[in-house]
Amino acid sequence: MFNFFFRPRKKFSLENLKYLYQQLLKNVVVTKKNQTVVVEVLRQIAELMIWGDKHNPSFFDFFCEKNILKHCIEILGQKCEKSVKVQVIQSLSILL
């Protein structure tokens, strides 16, 4: 479950953003078992998008290409823990 935290890769890289996107796809339905992973993935994606805004425009291109915003909105529509919804809203607020 937490093995993606220990995978060696450069933190601020497009490779890492792609990896986090794959983790988001693997956890489309939020459950009690994966909610911690979803929250951390969303947090890291927001962090990468902020960094990418200043340093690498391809991050935003990837974000739009994969329609990550749609995935965030879909999570908001699910019955899940408040902590997950709070993270989605915080991440979206940061991105706006």
N, C-alpha and C. Protein backbone atom coordinates (compact mmCIF):
# COMPACT_ATOMS: atom_id res chain seq x y z
N MET A 1 0.82 -1.19 0.00
CA MET A 1 0.00 0.00 0.00
C MET A 1 0.86 1.25 0.00
N PHE A 2 1.87 1.31 0.83
CA PHE A 2 2.72 2.50 0.90
C PHE A 2 4.02 2.32 0.13
N ASN A 3 4.11 1.29 -0.69
CA ASN A 3 5.36 1.03 -1.39
C ASN A 3 5.72 2.15 -2.36
N PHE A 4 4.75 2.95 -2.82
CA PHE A 4 5.09 4.00 -3.76
C PHE A 4 5.87 5.13 -3.10
N PHE A 5 5.83 5.25 -1.79
CA PHE A 5 6.60 6.28 -1.10
C PHE A 5 8.09 5.98 -1.16
N PHE A 6 8.46 4.73 -1.33
CA PHE A 6 9.86 4.33 -1.27
C PHE A 6 10.45 4.04 -2.64
N ARG A 7 9.69 4.24 -3.68
CA ARG A 7 10.18 4.01 -5.03
C ARG A 7 11.17 5.11 -5.39
N PRO A 8 12.40 4.76 -5.77
CA PRO A 8 13.39 5.80 -6.06
C PRO A 8 13.08 6.51 -7.38
N ARG A 9 12.91 7.80 -7.31
CA ARG A 9 12.71 8.64 -8.49
C ARG A 9 12.90 10.10 -8.05
N LYS A 10 13.22 10.91 -8.99
CA LYS A 10 13.42 12.33 -8.69
C LYS A 10 12.06 12.96 -8.37
N LYS A 11 11.97 13.63 -7.22
CA LYS A 11 10.70 14.14 -6.74
C LYS A 11 10.05 15.10 -7.73
N PHE A 12 10.79 16.08 -8.18
CA PHE A 12 10.23 17.09 -9.07
C PHE A 12 10.55 16.74 -10.52
N SER A 13 9.89 15.68 -11.00
CA SER A 13 10.10 15.23 -12.36
C SER A 13 8.77 14.84 -12.99
N LEU A 14 8.74 14.89 -14.30
CA LEU A 14 7.55 14.46 -15.01
C LEU A 14 7.30 12.96 -14.78
N GLU A 15 8.38 12.21 -14.63
CA GLU A 15 8.26 10.78 -14.33
C GLU A 15 7.48 10.57 -13.02
N ASN A 16 7.79 11.37 -12.02
CA ASN A 16 7.10 11.26 -10.74
C ASN A 16 5.62 11.64 -10.88
N LEU A 17 5.34 12.69 -11.63
CA LEU A 17 3.95 13.09 -11.84
C LEU A 17 3.18 11.98 -12.56
N LYS A 18 3.81 11.36 -13.55
CA LYS A 18 3.18 10.25 -14.25
C LYS A 18 2.93 9.08 -13.31
N TYR A 19 3.88 8.82 -12.43
CA TYR A 19 3.73 7.74 -11.45
C TYR A 19 2.57 8.03 -10.50
N LEU A 20 2.48 9.26 -10.02
CA LEU A 20 1.39 9.63 -9.11
C LEU A 20 0.04 9.53 -9.82
N TYR A 21 0.01 9.90 -11.07
CA TYR A 21 -1.22 9.76 -11.86
C TYR A 21 -1.64 8.29 -11.93
N GLN A 22 -0.68 7.40 -12.16
CA GLN A 22 -0.99 5.97 -12.19
C GLN A 22 -1.53 5.50 -10.84
N GLN A 23 -0.99 6.02 -9.76
CA GLN A 23 -1.48 5.67 -8.43
C GLN A 23 -2.92 6.16 -8.24
N LEU A 24 -3.20 7.33 -8.77
CA LEU A 24 -4.56 7.87 -8.69
C LEU A 24 -5.53 6.97 -9.48
N LEU A 25 -5.10 6.52 -10.64
CA LEU A 25 -5.94 5.63 -11.45
C LEU A 25 -6.18 4.29 -10.75
N LYS A 26 -5.18 3.80 -10.03
CA LYS A 26 -5.32 2.52 -9.31
C LYS A 26 -6.28 2.65 -8.13
N ASN A 27 -6.52 3.87 -7.69
CA ASN A 27 -7.36 4.11 -6.52
C ASN A 27 -8.54 5.01 -6.87
N VAL A 28 -9.20 4.71 -7.97
CA VAL A 28 -10.32 5.53 -8.44
C VAL A 28 -11.45 5.56 -7.41
N VAL A 29 -11.74 4.41 -6.84
CA VAL A 29 -12.77 4.33 -5.80
C VAL A 29 -12.06 4.43 -4.45
N VAL A 30 -12.44 5.42 -3.68
CA VAL A 30 -11.81 5.65 -2.38
C VAL A 30 -12.49 4.78 -1.33
N THR A 31 -11.67 4.01 -0.62
CA THR A 31 -12.16 3.16 0.46
C THR A 31 -11.38 3.49 1.73
N LYS A 32 -11.78 2.91 2.83
CA LYS A 32 -11.04 3.11 4.08
C LYS A 32 -9.61 2.59 3.95
N LYS A 33 -9.42 1.56 3.15
CA LYS A 33 -8.08 0.96 3.00
C LYS A 33 -7.13 1.83 2.19
N ASN A 34 -7.67 2.58 1.21
CA ASN A 34 -6.77 3.34 0.35
C ASN A 34 -6.86 4.86 0.54
N GLN A 35 -7.66 5.32 1.49
CA GLN A 35 -7.86 6.77 1.63
C GLN A 35 -6.57 7.50 1.97
N THR A 36 -5.69 6.90 2.75
CA THR A 36 -4.42 7.54 3.09
C THR A 36 -3.56 7.71 1.84
N VAL A 37 -3.55 6.71 1.00
CA VAL A 37 -2.79 6.77 -0.25
C VAL A 37 -3.36 7.85 -1.15
N VAL A 38 -4.67 7.92 -1.29
CA VAL A 38 -5.31 8.91 -2.15
C VAL A 38 -4.98 10.32 -1.66
N VAL A 39 -5.08 10.55 -0.37
CA VAL A 39 -4.78 11.87 0.19
C VAL A 39 -3.33 12.25 -0.11
N GLU A 40 -2.40 11.34 0.09
CA GLU A 40 -0.98 11.64 -0.15
C GLU A 40 -0.70 11.85 -1.63
N VAL A 41 -1.32 11.08 -2.50
CA VAL A 41 -1.13 11.26 -3.94
C VAL A 41 -1.65 12.63 -4.37
N LEU A 42 -2.82 13.01 -3.90
CA LEU A 42 -3.36 14.33 -4.24
C LEU A 42 -2.48 15.45 -3.73
N ARG A 43 -1.97 15.30 -2.53
CA ARG A 43 -1.09 16.31 -1.95
C ARG A 43 0.18 16.47 -2.80
N GLN A 44 0.76 15.34 -3.17
CA GLN A 44 2.00 15.38 -3.96
C GLN A 44 1.76 15.93 -5.36
N ILE A 45 0.62 15.60 -5.96
CA ILE A 45 0.31 16.14 -7.29
C ILE A 45 0.19 17.66 -7.21
N ALA A 46 -0.49 18.16 -6.19
CA ALA A 46 -0.61 19.62 -6.04
C ALA A 46 0.76 20.26 -5.86
N GLU A 47 1.61 19.63 -5.07
CA GLU A 47 2.96 20.15 -4.85
C GLU A 47 3.75 20.20 -6.17
N LEU A 48 3.65 19.14 -6.95
CA LEU A 48 4.36 19.09 -8.23
C LEU A 48 3.81 20.13 -9.21
N MET A 49 2.51 20.36 -9.19
CA MET A 49 1.93 21.34 -10.10
C MET A 49 2.39 22.75 -9.76
N ILE A 50 2.51 23.05 -8.48
CA ILE A 50 3.00 24.36 -8.07
C ILE A 50 4.45 24.53 -8.50
N TRP A 51 5.26 23.52 -8.28
CA TRP A 51 6.66 23.57 -8.70
C TRP A 51 6.75 23.68 -10.23
N GLY A 52 5.96 22.89 -10.93
CA GLY A 52 5.98 22.88 -12.38
C GLY A 52 5.56 24.20 -12.98
N ASP A 53 4.70 24.94 -12.30
CA ASP A 53 4.25 26.24 -12.79
C ASP A 53 5.44 27.18 -12.99
N LYS A 54 6.42 27.08 -12.13
CA LYS A 54 7.61 27.95 -12.20
C LYS A 54 8.74 27.34 -13.02
N HIS A 55 8.83 26.01 -13.08
CA HIS A 55 10.03 25.37 -13.61
C HIS A 55 9.83 24.48 -14.84
N ASN A 56 8.63 23.93 -15.04
CA ASN A 56 8.47 22.97 -16.12
C ASN A 56 7.02 23.00 -16.63
N PRO A 57 6.77 23.70 -17.72
CA PRO A 57 5.39 23.81 -18.24
C PRO A 57 4.81 22.47 -18.70
N SER A 58 5.64 21.47 -18.92
CA SER A 58 5.10 20.17 -19.35
C SER A 58 4.28 19.51 -18.24
N PHE A 59 4.47 19.91 -16.99
CA PHE A 59 3.65 19.37 -15.90
C PHE A 59 2.19 19.75 -16.13
N PHE A 60 1.96 21.02 -16.45
CA PHE A 60 0.58 21.48 -16.68
C PHE A 60 0.00 20.80 -17.92
N ASP A 61 0.81 20.63 -18.95
CA ASP A 61 0.35 19.94 -20.15
C ASP A 61 -0.11 18.53 -19.82
N PHE A 62 0.68 17.82 -19.01
CA PHE A 62 0.31 16.46 -18.61
C PHE A 62 -0.97 16.48 -17.77
N PHE A 63 -1.08 17.42 -16.84
CA PHE A 63 -2.25 17.56 -15.98
C PHE A 63 -3.51 17.71 -16.83
N CYS A 64 -3.43 18.54 -17.86
CA CYS A 64 -4.58 18.77 -18.74
C CYS A 64 -4.83 17.57 -19.65
N GLU A 65 -3.76 17.03 -20.20
CA GLU A 65 -3.87 15.89 -21.12
C GLU A 65 -4.57 14.70 -20.47
N LYS A 66 -4.22 14.44 -19.22
CA LYS A 66 -4.79 13.29 -18.50
C LYS A 66 -6.06 13.65 -17.73
N ASN A 67 -6.47 14.91 -17.82
CA ASN A 67 -7.70 15.37 -17.19
C ASN A 67 -7.74 15.02 -15.70
N ILE A 68 -6.68 15.33 -15.01
CA ILE A 68 -6.57 15.01 -13.59
C ILE A 68 -7.62 15.77 -12.78
N LEU A 69 -7.99 16.95 -13.24
CA LEU A 69 -9.04 17.71 -12.56
C LEU A 69 -10.34 16.91 -12.49
N LYS A 70 -10.67 16.22 -13.56
CA LYS A 70 -11.88 15.39 -13.60
C LYS A 70 -11.83 14.31 -12.52
N HIS A 71 -10.66 13.71 -12.35
CA HIS A 71 -10.51 12.66 -11.33
C HIS A 71 -10.72 13.23 -9.93
N CYS A 72 -10.22 14.44 -9.71
CA CYS A 72 -10.40 15.09 -8.40
C CYS A 72 -11.88 15.35 -8.14
N ILE A 73 -12.58 15.84 -9.13
CA ILE A 73 -14.01 16.13 -8.98
C ILE A 73 -14.80 14.84 -8.74
N GLU A 74 -14.40 13.77 -9.42
CA GLU A 74 -15.07 12.48 -9.22
C GLU A 74 -14.89 11.99 -7.78
N ILE A 75 -13.73 12.23 -7.21
CA ILE A 75 -13.50 11.84 -5.82
C ILE A 75 -14.43 12.61 -4.90
N LEU A 76 -14.64 13.89 -5.18
CA LEU A 76 -15.54 14.70 -4.36
C LEU A 76 -16.96 14.14 -4.36
N GLY A 77 -17.36 13.51 -5.46
CA GLY A 77 -18.71 12.96 -5.57
C GLY A 77 -18.91 11.63 -4.88
N GLN A 78 -17.83 11.04 -4.37
CA GLN A 78 -17.92 9.73 -3.73
C GLN A 78 -18.26 9.88 -2.25
N LYS A 79 -18.81 8.80 -1.70
CA LYS A 79 -18.99 8.73 -0.26
C LYS A 79 -17.66 8.26 0.32
N CYS A 80 -16.94 9.18 0.92
CA CYS A 80 -15.65 8.84 1.51
C CYS A 80 -15.41 9.74 2.71
N GLU A 81 -14.33 9.47 3.39
CA GLU A 81 -14.00 10.21 4.61
C GLU A 81 -13.83 11.70 4.32
N LYS A 82 -14.13 12.49 5.31
CA LYS A 82 -14.01 13.94 5.20
C LYS A 82 -12.57 14.35 4.87
N SER A 83 -11.60 13.63 5.42
CA SER A 83 -10.19 13.98 5.20
C SER A 83 -9.82 13.92 3.72
N VAL A 84 -10.41 13.00 2.98
CA VAL A 84 -10.14 12.88 1.55
C VAL A 84 -10.73 14.08 0.81
N LYS A 85 -11.95 14.42 1.13
CA LYS A 85 -12.60 15.55 0.47
C LYS A 85 -11.90 16.86 0.81
N VAL A 86 -11.46 16.99 2.04
CA VAL A 86 -10.71 18.19 2.43
C VAL A 86 -9.43 18.31 1.61
N GLN A 87 -8.73 17.20 1.42
CA GLN A 87 -7.49 17.23 0.64
C GLN A 87 -7.77 17.61 -0.81
N VAL A 88 -8.84 17.10 -1.38
CA VAL A 88 -9.20 17.44 -2.76
C VAL A 88 -9.46 18.94 -2.86
N ILE A 89 -10.24 19.45 -1.93
CA ILE A 89 -10.58 20.89 -1.95
C ILE A 89 -9.34 21.74 -1.73
N GLN A 90 -8.48 21.34 -0.81
CA GLN A 90 -7.24 22.09 -0.58
C GLN A 90 -6.36 22.07 -1.83
N SER A 91 -6.23 20.91 -2.44
CA SER A 91 -5.40 20.80 -3.65
C SER A 91 -5.95 21.67 -4.77
N LEU A 92 -7.26 21.62 -4.97
CA LEU A 92 -7.86 22.44 -6.03
C LEU A 92 -7.71 23.92 -5.73
N SER A 93 -7.84 24.29 -4.47
CA SER A 93 -7.67 25.70 -4.09
C SER A 93 -6.26 26.17 -4.36
N ILE A 94 -5.30 25.35 -4.09
CA ILE A 94 -3.90 25.69 -4.35
C ILE A 94 -3.66 25.86 -5.84
N LEU A 95 -4.25 25.00 -6.63
CA LEU A 95 -4.05 25.04 -8.08
C LEU A 95 -4.71 26.25 -8.72
N LEU A 96 -5.78 26.72 -8.12
CA LEU A 96 -6.46 27.90 -8.68
C LEU A 96 -5.73 29.14 -8.25
